[in-house]
Amino acid sequence: MNTIPNVISRTSKSVDWLFDRELEAADNASEAEYDRRERIVGSIRTAEVLDEMAESMTVAQEEAFMEALNRGGNKDVHTLYCLIDQFKEAIVKRRLAEPAPRFSMTYCSQCGKALGPGNSGVSHCYSHGA
């Protein structure tokens, strides 16, 4: 008579344990994705955003940008921020769509120079411009 409650108790503990592992794996994946996004956002430079704006700004966006620059009020600062942020987010989305580098740090086999994240290192200094 005691076996059925014991089986139910053990099964319940096993299910809880499996659920916790799955939740932990999902949390780890979310955290890794968030960290990758933050690294990408941190690596974007002003020149890249300005290049993106120059290359892909629509006529309506350009008119709104120039009108906001000419007026220069508080509301216009918000307009400028929103436009610049749109182009920054476009860069982030494009980089997120690219596969993540396989290695967090790569090196030159000849001189040992650290080359940053990538899928492979290089064998000779002439490959990285030294």
N, C-alpha and C. Protein backbone atom coordinates (compact mmCIF):
# COMPACT_ATOMS: atom_id res chain seq x y z
N MET A 1 0.80 -1.20 0.00
CA MET A 1 0.00 0.00 0.00
C MET A 1 0.85 1.27 0.00
N ASN A 2 2.02 1.19 0.53
CA ASN A 2 2.90 2.35 0.58
C ASN A 2 3.61 2.61 -0.75
N THR A 3 3.63 1.64 -1.62
CA THR A 3 4.39 1.78 -2.86
C THR A 3 3.82 2.82 -3.81
N ILE A 4 2.54 2.92 -3.94
CA ILE A 4 1.95 3.88 -4.87
C ILE A 4 2.29 5.32 -4.49
N PRO A 5 2.14 5.74 -3.23
CA PRO A 5 2.55 7.10 -2.89
C PRO A 5 4.05 7.33 -3.11
N ASN A 6 4.88 6.31 -2.85
CA ASN A 6 6.32 6.45 -3.08
C ASN A 6 6.63 6.64 -4.56
N VAL A 7 5.97 5.87 -5.40
CA VAL A 7 6.18 5.99 -6.85
C VAL A 7 5.74 7.37 -7.33
N ILE A 8 4.60 7.82 -6.85
CA ILE A 8 4.11 9.15 -7.24
C ILE A 8 5.08 10.23 -6.76
N SER A 9 5.57 10.10 -5.56
CA SER A 9 6.51 11.07 -5.01
C SER A 9 7.80 11.11 -5.82
N ARG A 10 8.34 9.94 -6.14
CA ARG A 10 9.58 9.87 -6.93
C ARG A 10 9.36 10.42 -8.34
N THR A 11 8.24 10.08 -8.94
CA THR A 11 7.93 10.57 -10.28
C THR A 11 7.81 12.09 -10.27
N SER A 12 7.14 12.60 -9.25
CA SER A 12 6.99 14.05 -9.13
C SER A 12 8.34 14.74 -8.98
N LYS A 13 9.23 14.15 -8.17
CA LYS A 13 10.57 14.73 -8.00
C LYS A 13 11.35 14.67 -9.30
N SER A 14 11.22 13.59 -10.05
CA SER A 14 11.92 13.46 -11.33
C SER A 14 11.42 14.49 -12.33
N VAL A 15 10.11 14.68 -12.37
CA VAL A 15 9.53 15.67 -13.28
C VAL A 15 10.01 17.06 -12.90
N ASP A 16 10.02 17.37 -11.61
CA ASP A 16 10.51 18.67 -11.16
C ASP A 16 11.97 18.87 -11.54
N TRP A 17 12.77 17.83 -11.36
CA TRP A 17 14.19 17.92 -11.69
C TRP A 17 14.38 18.17 -13.19
N LEU A 18 13.63 17.43 -14.03
CA LEU A 18 13.73 17.61 -15.48
C LEU A 18 13.27 19.01 -15.89
N PHE A 19 12.19 19.47 -15.29
CA PHE A 19 11.69 20.81 -15.59
C PHE A 19 12.73 21.86 -15.23
N ASP A 20 13.36 21.70 -14.06
CA ASP A 20 14.40 22.65 -13.64
C ASP A 20 15.57 22.65 -14.62
N ARG A 21 15.98 21.48 -15.11
CA ARG A 21 17.10 21.41 -16.06
C ARG A 21 16.74 22.10 -17.37
N GLU A 22 15.51 21.86 -17.85
CA GLU A 22 15.07 22.49 -19.09
C GLU A 22 14.99 24.01 -18.94
N LEU A 23 14.49 24.45 -17.80
CA LEU A 23 14.40 25.89 -17.53
C LEU A 23 15.79 26.51 -17.45
N GLU A 24 16.71 25.81 -16.81
CA GLU A 24 18.08 26.30 -16.71
C GLU A 24 18.74 26.40 -18.08
N ALA A 25 18.51 25.40 -18.93
CA ALA A 25 19.08 25.43 -20.29
C ALA A 25 18.50 26.58 -21.10
N ALA A 26 17.20 26.82 -20.97
CA ALA A 26 16.57 27.93 -21.67
C ALA A 26 17.11 29.27 -21.16
N ASP A 27 17.28 29.39 -19.85
CA ASP A 27 17.84 30.62 -19.28
C ASP A 27 19.27 30.86 -19.76
N ASN A 28 20.07 29.80 -19.82
CA ASN A 28 21.44 29.93 -20.30
C ASN A 28 21.49 30.37 -21.76
N ALA A 29 20.59 29.81 -22.57
CA ALA A 29 20.54 30.20 -23.98
C ALA A 29 20.12 31.66 -24.13
N SER A 30 19.14 32.09 -23.34
CA SER A 30 18.71 33.49 -23.39
C SER A 30 19.82 34.43 -22.96
N GLU A 31 20.53 34.04 -21.92
CA GLU A 31 21.62 34.87 -21.42
C GLU A 31 22.75 34.97 -22.45
N ALA A 32 23.06 33.87 -23.12
CA ALA A 32 24.10 33.89 -24.15
C ALA A 32 23.69 34.78 -25.31
N GLU A 33 22.42 34.71 -25.71
CA GLU A 33 21.92 35.55 -26.79
C GLU A 33 21.96 37.02 -26.39
N TYR A 34 21.58 37.33 -25.16
CA TYR A 34 21.62 38.71 -24.66
C TYR A 34 23.06 39.22 -24.63
N ASP A 35 23.99 38.39 -24.14
CA ASP A 35 25.39 38.79 -24.08
C ASP A 35 25.96 39.05 -25.47
N ARG A 36 25.59 38.21 -26.43
CA ARG A 36 26.06 38.42 -27.80
C ARG A 36 25.53 39.73 -28.36
N ARG A 37 24.26 40.02 -28.10
CA ARG A 37 23.68 41.28 -28.57
C ARG A 37 24.40 42.47 -27.94
N GLU A 38 24.67 42.38 -26.65
CA GLU A 38 25.37 43.48 -25.96
C GLU A 38 26.77 43.68 -26.52
N ARG A 39 27.48 42.59 -26.85
CA ARG A 39 28.81 42.72 -27.45
C ARG A 39 28.71 43.39 -28.82
N ILE A 40 27.70 43.03 -29.59
CA ILE A 40 27.51 43.63 -30.91
C ILE A 40 27.19 45.11 -30.77
N VAL A 41 26.28 45.46 -29.87
CA VAL A 41 25.92 46.86 -29.66
C VAL A 41 27.15 47.66 -29.22
N GLY A 42 27.96 47.08 -28.35
CA GLY A 42 29.16 47.77 -27.87
C GLY A 42 30.23 47.93 -28.93
N SER A 43 30.20 47.10 -29.96
CA SER A 43 31.24 47.18 -30.98
C SER A 43 30.90 48.14 -32.12
N ILE A 44 29.68 48.65 -32.16
CA ILE A 44 29.27 49.56 -33.23
C ILE A 44 29.86 50.94 -32.97
N ARG A 45 30.47 51.50 -34.00
CA ARG A 45 31.09 52.82 -33.91
C ARG A 45 30.23 53.87 -34.60
N THR A 46 30.44 55.11 -34.22
CA THR A 46 29.68 56.23 -34.78
C THR A 46 29.79 56.26 -36.30
N ALA A 47 30.99 56.05 -36.81
CA ALA A 47 31.20 56.10 -38.26
C ALA A 47 30.34 55.05 -38.98
N GLU A 48 30.17 53.89 -38.37
CA GLU A 48 29.35 52.84 -38.98
C GLU A 48 27.88 53.28 -39.05
N VAL A 49 27.41 53.92 -37.99
CA VAL A 49 26.02 54.39 -37.98
C VAL A 49 25.83 55.48 -39.02
N LEU A 50 26.79 56.40 -39.10
CA LEU A 50 26.70 57.48 -40.09
C LEU A 50 26.76 56.92 -41.52
N ASP A 51 27.61 55.93 -41.75
CA ASP A 51 27.66 55.30 -43.08
C ASP A 51 26.33 54.64 -43.41
N GLU A 52 25.75 53.94 -42.44
CA GLU A 52 24.45 53.29 -42.64
C GLU A 52 23.38 54.33 -42.96
N MET A 53 23.42 55.45 -42.26
CA MET A 53 22.45 56.51 -42.51
C MET A 53 22.62 57.06 -43.92
N ALA A 54 23.87 57.31 -44.32
CA ALA A 54 24.13 57.88 -45.64
C ALA A 54 23.71 56.93 -46.76
N GLU A 55 23.88 55.64 -46.54
CA GLU A 55 23.58 54.66 -47.59
C GLU A 55 22.11 54.30 -47.70
N SER A 56 21.39 54.27 -46.58
CA SER A 56 20.04 53.71 -46.65
C SER A 56 18.94 54.63 -46.14
N MET A 57 19.21 55.91 -45.98
CA MET A 57 18.18 56.83 -45.50
C MET A 57 17.19 57.12 -46.63
N THR A 58 15.91 57.00 -46.32
CA THR A 58 14.87 57.32 -47.31
C THR A 58 14.71 58.84 -47.39
N VAL A 59 14.01 59.28 -48.40
CA VAL A 59 13.80 60.72 -48.59
C VAL A 59 13.03 61.29 -47.40
N ALA A 60 12.00 60.59 -46.95
CA ALA A 60 11.21 61.07 -45.81
C ALA A 60 12.06 61.15 -44.54
N GLN A 61 12.91 60.16 -44.32
CA GLN A 61 13.79 60.19 -43.15
C GLN A 61 14.79 61.33 -43.25
N GLU A 62 15.32 61.55 -44.44
CA GLU A 62 16.28 62.63 -44.63
C GLU A 62 15.62 63.99 -44.39
N GLU A 63 14.40 64.15 -44.88
CA GLU A 63 13.68 65.42 -44.65
C GLU A 63 13.42 65.63 -43.17
N ALA A 64 12.98 64.59 -42.47
CA ALA A 64 12.72 64.71 -41.03
C ALA A 64 14.01 65.02 -40.28
N PHE A 65 15.10 64.39 -40.68
CA PHE A 65 16.40 64.62 -40.04
C PHE A 65 16.85 66.06 -40.23
N MET A 66 16.78 66.55 -41.46
CA MET A 66 17.23 67.92 -41.74
C MET A 66 16.32 68.96 -41.08
N GLU A 67 15.02 68.73 -41.06
CA GLU A 67 14.10 69.66 -40.38
C GLU A 67 14.40 69.71 -38.89
N ALA A 68 14.65 68.57 -38.29
CA ALA A 68 14.97 68.53 -36.86
C ALA A 68 16.29 69.24 -36.58
N LEU A 69 17.27 69.07 -37.44
CA LEU A 69 18.55 69.78 -37.27
C LEU A 69 18.35 71.29 -37.38
N ASN A 70 17.53 71.71 -38.33
CA ASN A 70 17.31 73.15 -38.53
C ASN A 70 16.56 73.79 -37.38
N ARG A 71 15.56 73.09 -36.83
CA ARG A 71 14.77 73.66 -35.72
C ARG A 71 15.55 73.61 -34.42
N GLY A 72 16.10 72.47 -34.09
CA GLY A 72 16.95 72.32 -32.92
C GLY A 72 16.28 72.37 -31.56
N GLY A 73 14.98 72.10 -31.47
CA GLY A 73 14.29 72.10 -30.17
C GLY A 73 14.41 70.75 -29.47
N ASN A 74 13.83 70.69 -28.26
CA ASN A 74 13.87 69.44 -27.48
C ASN A 74 13.16 68.29 -28.21
N LYS A 75 12.02 68.59 -28.80
CA LYS A 75 11.29 67.58 -29.55
C LYS A 75 12.14 67.08 -30.73
N ASP A 76 12.89 67.99 -31.31
CA ASP A 76 13.73 67.64 -32.46
C ASP A 76 14.89 66.74 -32.05
N VAL A 77 15.41 66.93 -30.85
CA VAL A 77 16.48 66.06 -30.35
C VAL A 77 15.96 64.62 -30.26
N HIS A 78 14.72 64.47 -29.82
CA HIS A 78 14.12 63.14 -29.74
C HIS A 78 13.97 62.53 -31.14
N THR A 79 13.56 63.35 -32.11
CA THR A 79 13.44 62.88 -33.49
C THR A 79 14.79 62.41 -34.02
N LEU A 80 15.83 63.20 -33.77
CA LEU A 80 17.18 62.83 -34.21
C LEU A 80 17.61 61.52 -33.56
N TYR A 81 17.37 61.41 -32.25
CA TYR A 81 17.74 60.19 -31.53
C TYR A 81 17.03 58.98 -32.13
N CYS A 82 15.74 59.10 -32.38
CA CYS A 82 14.97 57.97 -32.92
C CYS A 82 15.48 57.55 -34.29
N LEU A 83 15.79 58.53 -35.14
CA LEU A 83 16.30 58.20 -36.47
C LEU A 83 17.66 57.50 -36.39
N ILE A 84 18.54 58.04 -35.58
CA ILE A 84 19.87 57.44 -35.43
C ILE A 84 19.76 56.04 -34.84
N ASP A 85 18.87 55.88 -33.86
CA ASP A 85 18.69 54.57 -33.23
C ASP A 85 18.14 53.55 -34.22
N GLN A 86 17.28 53.97 -35.14
CA GLN A 86 16.76 53.05 -36.16
C GLN A 86 17.89 52.47 -37.00
N PHE A 87 18.83 53.31 -37.38
CA PHE A 87 19.94 52.84 -38.21
C PHE A 87 20.90 51.98 -37.40
N LYS A 88 21.09 52.32 -36.13
CA LYS A 88 21.93 51.49 -35.27
C LYS A 88 21.31 50.10 -35.11
N GLU A 89 20.00 50.04 -34.90
CA GLU A 89 19.32 48.76 -34.76
C GLU A 89 19.39 47.94 -36.04
N ALA A 90 19.38 48.60 -37.19
CA ALA A 90 19.53 47.88 -38.46
C ALA A 90 20.89 47.18 -38.52
N ILE A 91 21.93 47.87 -38.04
CA ILE A 91 23.27 47.26 -38.01
C ILE A 91 23.27 46.08 -37.05
N VAL A 92 22.66 46.25 -35.87
CA VAL A 92 22.62 45.17 -34.88
C VAL A 92 21.90 43.95 -35.45
N LYS A 93 20.75 44.15 -36.08
CA LYS A 93 19.99 43.03 -36.65
C LYS A 93 20.79 42.31 -37.73
N ARG A 94 21.50 43.08 -38.56
CA ARG A 94 22.30 42.46 -39.61
C ARG A 94 23.43 41.61 -39.01
N ARG A 95 24.07 42.13 -37.97
CA ARG A 95 25.16 41.38 -37.34
C ARG A 95 24.65 40.17 -36.56
N LEU A 96 23.46 40.28 -35.97
CA LEU A 96 22.88 39.13 -35.27
C LEU A 96 22.52 38.01 -36.24
N ALA A 97 22.17 38.38 -37.47
CA ALA A 97 21.82 37.38 -38.48
C ALA A 97 23.05 36.60 -38.94
N GLU A 98 24.23 37.21 -38.80
CA GLU A 98 25.47 36.51 -39.17
C GLU A 98 25.77 35.45 -38.11
N PRO A 99 26.36 34.34 -38.50
CA PRO A 99 26.70 33.32 -37.50
C PRO A 99 27.76 33.85 -36.53
N ALA A 100 27.67 33.43 -35.29
CA ALA A 100 28.64 33.85 -34.27
C ALA A 100 29.99 33.23 -34.58
N PRO A 101 31.09 33.94 -34.27
CA PRO A 101 32.41 33.36 -34.49
C PRO A 101 32.60 32.10 -33.64
N ARG A 102 33.34 31.15 -34.18
CA ARG A 102 33.54 29.87 -33.49
C ARG A 102 34.41 30.03 -32.25
N PHE A 103 35.43 30.90 -32.34
CA PHE A 103 36.37 31.08 -31.23
C PHE A 103 36.30 32.51 -30.72
N SER A 104 36.38 32.67 -29.40
CA SER A 104 36.32 34.01 -28.82
C SER A 104 37.62 34.77 -29.04
N MET A 105 38.73 34.07 -29.28
CA MET A 105 40.00 34.73 -29.56
C MET A 105 40.81 33.87 -30.53
N THR A 106 41.34 34.49 -31.58
CA THR A 106 42.20 33.79 -32.53
C THR A 106 43.57 34.44 -32.52
N TYR A 107 44.57 33.70 -33.01
CA TYR A 107 45.96 34.16 -32.94
C TYR A 107 46.70 33.88 -34.24
N CYS A 108 47.82 34.58 -34.41
CA CYS A 108 48.75 34.30 -35.49
C CYS A 108 49.73 33.24 -34.99
N SER A 109 49.90 32.17 -35.77
CA SER A 109 50.81 31.09 -35.36
C SER A 109 52.27 31.53 -35.40
N GLN A 110 52.58 32.50 -36.26
CA GLN A 110 53.97 32.91 -36.42
C GLN A 110 54.43 33.84 -35.30
N CYS A 111 53.65 34.89 -35.03
CA CYS A 111 54.09 35.88 -34.03
C CYS A 111 53.31 35.80 -32.72
N GLY A 112 52.18 35.11 -32.71
CA GLY A 112 51.39 34.97 -31.49
C GLY A 112 50.46 36.13 -31.21
N LYS A 113 50.33 37.07 -32.15
CA LYS A 113 49.47 38.23 -31.95
C LYS A 113 48.00 37.80 -31.83
N ALA A 114 47.29 38.39 -30.85
CA ALA A 114 45.86 38.12 -30.69
C ALA A 114 45.11 38.89 -31.77
N LEU A 115 44.22 38.20 -32.48
CA LEU A 115 43.50 38.80 -33.60
C LEU A 115 42.03 39.04 -33.32
N GLY A 116 41.54 38.64 -32.17
CA GLY A 116 40.14 38.83 -31.83
C GLY A 116 39.29 37.63 -32.21
N PRO A 117 37.96 37.75 -32.08
CA PRO A 117 37.07 36.63 -32.37
C PRO A 117 37.12 36.25 -33.84
N GLY A 118 36.94 34.97 -34.13
CA GLY A 118 36.93 34.51 -35.51
C GLY A 118 36.73 33.02 -35.58
N ASN A 119 36.70 32.52 -36.81
CA ASN A 119 36.51 31.09 -37.02
C ASN A 119 37.82 30.34 -37.13
N SER A 120 38.92 31.06 -37.38
CA SER A 120 40.23 30.42 -37.44
C SER A 120 41.31 31.48 -37.26
N GLY A 121 42.46 31.04 -36.82
CA GLY A 121 43.61 31.93 -36.73
C GLY A 121 44.30 32.01 -38.07
N VAL A 122 45.51 32.58 -38.09
CA VAL A 122 46.30 32.65 -39.32
C VAL A 122 47.65 32.02 -39.06
N SER A 123 48.30 31.56 -40.13
CA SER A 123 49.58 30.88 -39.99
C SER A 123 50.77 31.81 -40.12
N HIS A 124 50.62 32.88 -40.89
CA HIS A 124 51.75 33.77 -41.15
C HIS A 124 51.35 35.23 -40.91
N CYS A 125 52.34 36.03 -40.54
CA CYS A 125 52.09 37.44 -40.23
C CYS A 125 51.55 38.20 -41.43
N TYR A 126 51.95 37.83 -42.65
CA TYR A 126 51.46 38.57 -43.82
C TYR A 126 49.95 38.43 -43.98
N SER A 127 49.35 37.41 -43.37
CA SER A 127 47.90 37.22 -43.47
C SER A 127 47.12 38.25 -42.65
N HIS A 128 47.75 38.81 -41.61
CA HIS A 128 47.06 39.82 -40.81
C HIS A 128 47.70 41.19 -40.94
N GLY A 129 48.58 41.34 -41.90
CA GLY A 129 49.12 42.66 -42.22
C GLY A 129 50.27 43.13 -41.37
N ALA A 130 50.97 42.23 -40.67
CA ALA A 130 52.11 42.66 -39.86
C ALA A 130 53.37 42.68 -40.68
